Amino acid sequence: MADEPLVLGIETSCDETGVGIVRGTTLLANAVASSVDAHARFGGVVPEIASRAHLEAMVPTIERALSDAGVSARDLDGIAVTAGPGLAGALLVGVSAAKAYAYALDKPLYGVNHLASHICVDQLEHGPLPEPTMALLVSGGHSSLLLAPDITSDVRPMGATIDDAAGEAFDKIARVLNLGFPGGPVIDRLAKEGDPDAIAFPRGLTGPRDPAYDFSFSGLKTAVARWVEARRNAGEDVPVRDVAASFQEAVVDVLTRKAVRACKDQGVDHLMIGGGVAANSRLRALAEERCERAGIRLRVPRPGLCTDNGAMVAALGAEMVARNRPASDLELSADSSLPVTDPHVPGNHDHDHLHEISKENLYS
C-alpha cells in the first residue's frame, strides 16, 4: 500500500448508486447512477424500485469509476460501503456487492456510517477535518447537528429532527404547490424570484424552553399547506414564488441559527454543512453570513459532493485505513437504523475475515 490509501466506496442508502475512488484525501472518481426519475411519478422514493435500480446499476457504475480513476480493482487498498442508516433493501445491494468485491480481490472491507461519510467528504474539498468538527447534516431523511472529535471513532449527536427532516419538508411543500419531485431544487430556484418576508411562517422549536439543537419542520409544513389551501378555497391566486421564498427562509433561518449556537456553546470555531439540502443556495448564503459574523469558519463541499455519492464513503474508508481502524468482516450486515455514534462497523477478527468465512454468509 502507498502512503495514501486507495479506496473504493459504494453508496446505496436511498435512490442513487454512487461509487467513488479516492487516494488519501484526493478524489479520483465519483460515478453516480440516479433512479430519481423512476420515483418522480410516485412523488417520493419507492424502496423496491430503488433496490432494483441499484442491482442494475452496480457493476456498470463500479466499472465506470475504475475507468475514470485510471486504476485497476487490484490496485485498491480497501473497499468501503455504506452499512447504514438507509433503506434496508437498498443498503443490502451495496453491502452484498462490497462483500463480493472484497472477497474476490482479497481486500479489507469497511462498513461505514452514511452520516459520518457526509461529514468526511469535506476532506476531499477543503483538506483534513479540524478536530473537533461541528457538522450540520441536512437531507431528505436527516437534519442533524453532530460533534465529531474523531470522524472514525467518535461522533456525538447534539440535535436531530423530531419529525419531518428539512429535505422531506421541501418535497412535501413542492407537492402542495404542484411543483413535482424532488422539491428542493425547484423551490430554491423559484425562491430567488420571490419575497422571503412576504409570509410570516413559523420557526419551529425556537422558543426559550424548546430543545436548543433539535429541529421540527412538521408545524411549518402544516402552516404552509393551510395557507395555500385557504387561498385556493377563496378563489385567489397562490403567489408560488413568495410561498417558496418564505418557506425556504423559515427552514434555513432555523438551521443556521441553531448550528451557529451549537458552535458557540461548544467552543468550536468550524462549521461543516453537508447532505443534499446543503446544495440549497439560500442555506449556503445565510450560513456564510452568520458564521462570518460569529467568527466561525464555514466549510461546505460543492453541491455534487453534498448529495449522496460514493466519494464520501470512499473518503471515510480511506480515513479508516490511514488510522489503522479494524476492518469489517464478511458477516457484515446492512443496518437501516445504524446510529451515528457508530462511524463504522468493525468485525470479529478471531479468524481470517476473508478466507475462513462460509460462502453462505456472503449475502447475510
Protein backbone atom coordinates (compact mmCIF):
# COMPACT_ATOMS: atom_id res chain seq x y z
CA MET A 1 0.00 0.00 0.00
CA ALA A 2 1.21 3.50 -0.84
CA ASP A 3 1.47 6.20 1.82
CA GLU A 4 -2.03 7.35 0.87
CA PRO A 5 -4.59 4.51 0.72
CA LEU A 6 -6.52 3.90 -2.50
CA VAL A 7 -10.11 3.08 -1.55
CA LEU A 8 -13.30 2.42 -3.48
CA GLY A 9 -16.56 3.44 -1.81
CA ILE A 10 -20.09 2.18 -2.54
CA GLU A 11 -23.20 4.16 -1.51
CA THR A 12 -26.74 2.74 -1.93
CA SER A 13 -28.65 4.06 1.07
CA CYS A 14 -31.51 5.56 -0.98
CA ASP A 15 -32.13 6.19 -4.68
CA GLU A 16 -28.63 6.85 -6.02
CA THR A 17 -26.00 4.26 -6.82
CA GLY A 18 -22.74 6.01 -6.00
CA VAL A 19 -19.22 4.68 -6.50
CA GLY A 20 -16.23 6.83 -5.60
CA ILE A 21 -12.49 6.26 -5.60
CA VAL A 22 -10.09 8.33 -3.53
CA ARG A 23 -6.39 8.25 -2.81
CA GLY A 24 -6.00 9.64 0.69
CA THR A 25 -7.93 12.91 0.50
CA THR A 26 -7.70 13.23 -3.28
CA LEU A 27 -10.81 12.45 -5.32
CA LEU A 28 -10.09 10.31 -8.39
CA ALA A 29 -13.60 9.30 -9.48
CA ASN A 30 -17.19 9.93 -8.44
CA ALA A 31 -19.64 7.95 -10.57
CA VAL A 32 -23.36 8.22 -9.81
CA ALA A 33 -26.38 6.47 -11.33
CA SER A 34 -29.62 8.03 -10.10
CA SER A 35 -33.06 6.44 -10.18
CA VAL A 36 -34.84 9.68 -9.20
CA ASP A 37 -36.79 9.80 -12.49
CA ALA A 38 -38.27 6.38 -11.77
CA HIS A 39 -39.64 7.67 -8.46
CA ALA A 40 -40.92 11.04 -9.68
CA ARG A 41 -44.37 9.85 -10.70
CA PHE A 42 -44.91 8.49 -7.18
CA GLY A 43 -43.94 11.77 -5.50
CA GLY A 44 -41.23 10.11 -3.41
CA VAL A 45 -38.75 7.26 -3.24
CA VAL A 46 -40.21 3.75 -3.60
CA PRO A 47 -37.86 1.32 -1.79
CA GLU A 48 -38.44 -1.65 -4.11
CA ILE A 49 -37.77 0.45 -7.22
CA ALA A 50 -34.61 1.83 -5.61
CA SER A 51 -33.30 -1.65 -4.79
CA ARG A 52 -33.88 -2.95 -8.32
CA ALA A 53 -32.20 0.14 -9.79
CA HIS A 54 -29.14 -0.45 -7.60
CA LEU A 55 -28.91 -4.05 -8.81
CA GLU A 56 -28.95 -2.94 -12.44
CA ALA A 57 -26.51 -0.07 -11.98
CA MET A 58 -23.96 -1.55 -9.57
CA VAL A 59 -21.43 -3.28 -11.86
CA PRO A 60 -21.53 -0.66 -14.65
CA THR A 61 -21.07 2.16 -12.11
CA ILE A 62 -18.10 0.43 -10.46
CA GLU A 63 -16.52 -0.18 -13.85
CA ARG A 64 -17.07 3.48 -14.82
CA ALA A 65 -15.47 4.69 -11.58
CA LEU A 66 -12.41 2.48 -12.08
CA SER A 67 -12.07 3.72 -15.66
CA ASP A 68 -12.45 7.38 -14.62
CA ALA A 69 -9.81 6.95 -11.91
CA GLY A 70 -7.44 5.11 -14.25
CA VAL A 71 -6.84 2.30 -11.77
CA SER A 72 -7.40 -1.44 -11.64
CA ALA A 73 -9.58 -3.08 -9.00
CA ARG A 74 -6.49 -5.00 -7.86
CA ASP A 75 -4.72 -1.71 -7.12
CA LEU A 76 -7.21 -0.93 -4.36
CA ASP A 77 -6.20 -0.97 -0.70
CA GLY A 78 -9.75 -1.41 0.56
CA ILE A 79 -13.48 -1.47 -0.21
CA ALA A 80 -15.81 0.78 1.82
CA VAL A 81 -19.60 0.59 1.78
CA THR A 82 -22.50 2.32 3.49
CA ALA A 83 -23.77 -0.17 6.08
CA GLY A 84 -26.49 2.20 7.33
CA PRO A 85 -28.64 4.06 8.01
CA GLY A 86 -30.91 3.99 4.97
CA LEU A 87 -33.46 1.85 3.14
CA ALA A 88 -32.89 -1.76 4.14
CA GLY A 89 -33.22 -3.30 0.68
CA ALA A 90 -31.11 -0.63 -0.97
CA LEU A 91 -28.37 -1.00 1.64
CA LEU A 92 -28.32 -4.78 1.15
CA VAL A 93 -27.50 -4.38 -2.53
CA GLY A 94 -24.46 -2.23 -1.78
CA VAL A 95 -23.27 -4.34 1.14
CA SER A 96 -23.58 -7.56 -0.88
CA ALA A 97 -21.64 -6.06 -3.78
CA ALA A 98 -18.91 -4.77 -1.46
CA LYS A 99 -18.57 -8.19 0.16
CA ALA A 100 -18.26 -9.86 -3.23
CA TYR A 101 -15.56 -7.46 -4.45
CA ALA A 102 -13.65 -7.64 -1.16
CA TYR A 103 -13.75 -11.44 -1.22
CA ALA A 104 -12.78 -11.76 -4.88
CA LEU A 105 -9.97 -9.21 -4.66
CA ASP A 106 -8.73 -10.27 -1.20
CA LYS A 107 -9.09 -6.68 0.07
CA PRO A 108 -10.22 -5.43 3.51
CA LEU A 109 -13.87 -4.40 3.82
CA TYR A 110 -15.08 -1.34 5.76
CA GLY A 111 -18.77 -0.93 6.58
CA VAL A 112 -19.22 2.76 7.35
CA ASN A 113 -21.94 5.12 8.55
CA HIS A 114 -23.83 7.19 5.99
CA LEU A 115 -23.94 10.32 8.18
CA ALA A 116 -20.28 10.18 9.17
CA SER A 117 -19.47 9.83 5.47
CA HIS A 118 -21.34 13.05 4.72
CA ILE A 119 -19.01 14.80 7.16
CA CYS A 120 -15.81 13.16 5.92
CA VAL A 121 -16.42 14.06 2.27
CA ASP A 122 -15.43 17.66 3.02
CA GLN A 123 -11.82 16.45 3.28
CA LEU A 124 -11.88 15.99 -0.48
CA GLU A 125 -12.77 19.67 -0.89
CA HIS A 126 -11.04 21.54 1.92
CA GLY A 127 -8.41 19.20 3.36
CA PRO A 128 -8.27 17.37 6.70
CA LEU A 129 -11.14 17.98 9.09
CA PRO A 130 -10.38 20.02 12.19
CA GLU A 131 -10.86 18.12 15.43
CA PRO A 132 -13.44 18.56 16.73
CA THR A 133 -15.72 19.42 13.83
CA MET A 134 -19.31 20.62 14.24
CA ALA A 135 -21.44 19.34 11.38
CA LEU A 136 -24.94 20.29 10.26
CA LEU A 137 -26.27 17.49 8.05
CA VAL A 138 -29.45 18.30 6.16
CA SER A 139 -31.13 15.89 3.74
CA GLY A 140 -34.40 14.22 2.91
CA GLY A 141 -34.01 11.78 5.78
CA HIS A 142 -31.93 13.67 8.31
CA SER A 143 -31.49 17.08 9.90
CA SER A 144 -28.76 16.60 12.48
CA LEU A 145 -26.21 18.55 14.46
CA LEU A 146 -23.18 16.38 15.17
CA LEU A 147 -19.94 16.98 17.05
CA ALA A 148 -17.07 14.88 15.69
CA PRO A 149 -13.86 14.87 17.76
CA ASP A 150 -12.68 11.92 15.60
CA ILE A 151 -14.64 11.11 12.44
CA THR A 152 -13.50 7.45 12.52
CA SER A 153 -14.42 6.65 16.12
CA ASP A 154 -16.14 9.49 17.99
CA VAL A 155 -19.23 11.18 16.56
CA ARG A 156 -21.67 12.68 19.07
CA PRO A 157 -25.28 13.66 18.32
CA MET A 158 -26.11 17.18 19.52
CA GLY A 159 -29.54 17.56 17.95
CA ALA A 160 -31.85 15.96 15.38
CA THR A 161 -35.23 16.32 13.72
CA ILE A 162 -38.10 15.10 15.87
CA ASP A 163 -40.47 14.82 12.89
CA ASP A 164 -40.02 15.79 9.22
CA ALA A 165 -36.44 16.30 8.06
CA ALA A 166 -35.76 19.52 6.17
CA GLY A 167 -35.43 17.84 2.78
CA GLU A 168 -38.65 15.92 3.38
CA ALA A 169 -40.42 19.21 4.13
CA PHE A 170 -39.13 20.67 0.84
CA ASP A 171 -40.56 17.68 -1.05
CA LYS A 172 -43.94 17.90 0.70
CA ILE A 173 -44.32 21.64 0.10
CA ALA A 174 -43.35 21.16 -3.53
CA ARG A 175 -46.19 18.65 -3.75
CA VAL A 176 -48.60 21.17 -2.18
CA LEU A 177 -47.54 23.71 -4.80
CA ASN A 178 -47.70 21.15 -7.64
CA LEU A 179 -44.00 21.55 -8.41
CA GLY A 180 -43.08 17.87 -8.79
CA PHE A 181 -40.38 15.72 -7.17
CA PRO A 182 -37.74 16.27 -5.89
CA GLY A 183 -38.81 19.56 -4.37
CA GLY A 184 -35.55 21.10 -3.17
CA PRO A 185 -34.06 22.33 -6.46
CA VAL A 186 -37.29 23.80 -7.84
CA ILE A 187 -38.16 25.61 -4.59
CA ASP A 188 -34.63 27.01 -4.43
CA ARG A 189 -34.96 28.28 -7.99
CA LEU A 190 -38.40 29.84 -7.54
CA ALA A 191 -37.47 31.37 -4.18
CA LYS A 192 -34.87 33.55 -5.89
CA GLU A 193 -37.74 35.35 -7.63
CA GLY A 194 -39.92 35.63 -4.50
CA ASP A 195 -40.04 37.70 -1.31
CA PRO A 196 -38.80 35.78 1.75
CA ASP A 197 -40.61 38.24 4.03
CA ALA A 198 -43.94 38.05 2.22
CA ILE A 199 -45.48 35.49 4.59
CA ALA A 200 -44.62 35.05 8.27
CA PHE A 201 -44.32 31.29 8.52
CA PRO A 202 -43.41 29.80 11.94
CA ARG A 203 -39.91 28.85 13.12
CA GLY A 204 -40.24 25.51 14.91
CA LEU A 205 -38.55 24.79 18.27
CA THR A 206 -37.05 28.26 18.68
CA GLY A 207 -38.74 29.23 21.94
CA PRO A 208 -36.77 29.72 25.18
CA ARG A 209 -37.97 26.40 26.60
CA ASP A 210 -37.50 24.37 23.41
CA PRO A 211 -34.56 21.99 22.89
CA ALA A 212 -31.59 24.09 21.85
CA TYR A 213 -30.35 21.91 19.00
CA ASP A 214 -33.36 19.83 17.87
CA PHE A 215 -35.40 20.60 14.75
CA SER A 216 -39.08 20.37 13.85
CA PHE A 217 -40.49 21.19 10.41
CA SER A 218 -43.86 19.46 10.67
CA GLY A 219 -45.60 22.57 12.03
CA LEU A 220 -44.08 24.71 9.30
CA LYS A 221 -45.20 22.23 6.64
CA THR A 222 -48.75 22.30 8.01
CA ALA A 223 -48.79 26.11 8.20
CA VAL A 224 -47.72 26.43 4.56
CA ALA A 225 -50.26 23.85 3.40
CA ARG A 226 -53.10 25.57 5.28
CA TRP A 227 -52.11 28.99 3.94
CA VAL A 228 -52.11 27.70 0.37
CA GLU A 229 -55.40 25.85 0.89
CA ALA A 230 -57.07 28.98 2.27
CA ARG A 231 -56.06 31.00 -0.79
CA ARG A 232 -57.33 28.34 -3.15
CA ASN A 233 -60.62 27.95 -1.28
CA ALA A 234 -61.12 31.71 -1.51
CA GLY A 235 -60.59 31.55 -5.26
CA GLU A 236 -57.40 33.60 -5.05
CA ASP A 237 -54.16 33.01 -6.90
CA VAL A 238 -51.33 31.43 -4.90
CA PRO A 239 -48.11 33.51 -5.17
CA VAL A 240 -45.93 30.43 -5.63
CA ARG A 241 -42.61 32.31 -5.68
CA ASP A 242 -43.39 34.18 -2.46
CA VAL A 243 -44.57 30.99 -0.76
CA ALA A 244 -41.40 29.19 -1.84
CA ALA A 245 -39.17 32.03 -0.66
CA SER A 246 -40.96 32.46 2.69
CA PHE A 247 -40.99 28.71 3.36
CA GLN A 248 -37.33 28.33 2.43
CA GLU A 249 -36.34 31.26 4.62
CA ALA A 250 -38.13 29.73 7.61
CA VAL A 251 -36.20 26.46 7.16
CA VAL A 252 -32.73 27.92 6.65
CA ASP A 253 -33.22 30.51 9.40
CA VAL A 254 -33.74 27.76 11.98
CA LEU A 255 -30.98 25.51 10.62
CA THR A 256 -28.29 28.19 10.61
CA ARG A 257 -29.36 29.78 13.87
CA LYS A 258 -29.13 26.50 15.78
CA ALA A 259 -25.87 25.45 14.10
CA VAL A 260 -24.11 28.70 15.00
CA ARG A 261 -25.46 28.46 18.53
CA ALA A 262 -24.08 24.92 18.89
CA CYS A 263 -20.64 26.08 17.71
CA LYS A 264 -20.61 28.92 20.23
CA ASP A 265 -21.85 26.76 23.11
CA GLN A 266 -19.27 24.03 22.41
CA GLY A 267 -16.36 26.38 21.69
CA VAL A 268 -15.93 25.07 18.13
CA ASP A 269 -14.73 27.56 15.54
CA HIS A 270 -15.56 25.47 12.43
CA LEU A 271 -18.95 24.51 10.99
CA MET A 272 -19.30 21.93 8.22
CA ILE A 273 -22.61 21.66 6.35
CA GLY A 274 -23.40 18.53 4.35
CA GLY A 275 -26.26 16.47 2.96
CA GLY A 276 -28.43 17.07 -0.08
CA VAL A 277 -30.06 20.26 1.25
CA ALA A 278 -26.57 21.76 1.67
CA ALA A 279 -26.77 22.41 -2.08
CA ASN A 280 -29.50 25.00 -1.36
CA SER A 281 -28.20 28.43 -2.33
CA ARG A 282 -30.01 30.36 0.41
CA LEU A 283 -28.79 27.97 3.12
CA ARG A 284 -25.22 28.49 1.95
CA ALA A 285 -25.57 32.28 1.81
CA LEU A 286 -27.21 32.68 5.22
CA ALA A 287 -24.78 30.24 6.85
CA GLU A 288 -21.84 32.17 5.44
CA GLU A 289 -23.29 35.46 6.66
CA ARG A 290 -23.97 34.22 10.19
CA CYS A 291 -20.71 32.30 10.53
CA GLU A 292 -18.69 35.30 9.44
CA ARG A 293 -20.48 37.46 11.98
CA ALA A 294 -19.77 34.87 14.73
CA GLY A 295 -16.12 34.30 13.79
CA ILE A 296 -16.77 30.72 12.66
CA ARG A 297 -15.12 29.20 9.60
CA LEU A 298 -17.69 27.65 7.28
CA ARG A 299 -16.89 24.53 5.23
CA VAL A 300 -19.40 23.39 2.62
CA PRO A 301 -18.49 20.91 -0.14
CA ARG A 302 -19.51 21.66 -3.72
CA PRO A 303 -23.11 20.58 -4.47
CA GLY A 304 -22.07 17.36 -6.24
CA LEU A 305 -20.45 16.13 -3.02
CA CYS A 306 -23.38 17.16 -0.81
CA THR A 307 -25.91 14.77 -2.30
CA ASP A 308 -25.47 11.03 -1.72
CA ASN A 309 -22.37 9.76 -3.53
CA GLY A 310 -19.69 7.09 -3.37
CA ALA A 311 -16.87 9.59 -2.90
CA MET A 312 -17.99 10.33 0.65
CA VAL A 313 -17.95 6.63 1.52
CA ALA A 314 -14.51 6.21 -0.04
CA ALA A 315 -13.26 9.26 1.88
CA LEU A 316 -14.29 7.77 5.21
CA GLY A 317 -12.94 4.37 4.20
CA ALA A 318 -9.57 5.90 3.33
CA GLU A 319 -9.51 7.62 6.70
CA MET A 320 -10.24 4.27 8.38
CA VAL A 321 -7.29 2.71 6.54
CA ALA A 322 -4.97 5.63 7.28
CA ARG A 323 -5.76 5.45 11.00
CA ASN A 324 -5.47 1.67 11.15
CA ARG A 325 -9.08 1.15 12.21
CA PRO A 326 -10.14 -2.52 12.19
CA ALA A 327 -11.78 -3.75 9.00
CA SER A 328 -15.23 -5.30 8.95
CA ASP A 329 -15.56 -8.97 8.15
CA LEU A 330 -17.77 -10.68 5.64
CA GLU A 331 -20.54 -11.27 8.16
CA LEU A 332 -21.21 -7.51 7.81
CA SER A 333 -24.94 -6.83 7.56
CA ALA A 334 -26.87 -3.75 6.48
CA ASP A 335 -28.40 -1.84 9.40
CA SER A 336 -31.17 0.55 8.36
CA SER A 337 -31.03 2.28 11.75
CA LEU A 338 -27.26 2.27 12.33
CA PRO A 339 -26.64 5.00 14.94
CA VAL A 340 -24.33 7.87 14.07
CA THR A 341 -22.32 7.03 17.19
CA ASP A 342 -21.02 4.03 15.17
CA PRO A 343 -18.94 5.66 12.38
CA HIS A 344 -18.01 2.18 11.18
CA VAL A 345 -18.77 -1.46 11.89
CA PRO A 346 -15.63 -3.33 12.96
CA GLY A 347 -15.56 -7.08 12.53
CA ASN A 348 -14.73 -10.06 14.68
CA HIS A 349 -11.11 -10.83 13.88
CA ASP A 350 -10.71 -14.07 15.80
CA HIS A 351 -10.43 -15.59 12.31
CA ASP A 352 -9.23 -14.51 8.88
CA HIS A 353 -12.18 -12.47 7.69
CA LEU A 354 -11.51 -13.20 4.02
CA HIS A 355 -10.81 -16.92 3.99
CA GLU A 356 -12.42 -18.74 6.91
CA ILE A 357 -15.97 -17.48 6.37
CA SER A 358 -18.55 -19.74 4.79
CA LYS A 359 -19.81 -18.71 1.36
CA GLU A 360 -23.39 -18.82 2.65
CA ASN A 361 -22.74 -15.68 4.71
CA LEU A 362 -21.68 -13.56 1.76
CA TYR A 363 -25.27 -12.34 1.37
CA SER A 364 -26.33 -12.21 5.02
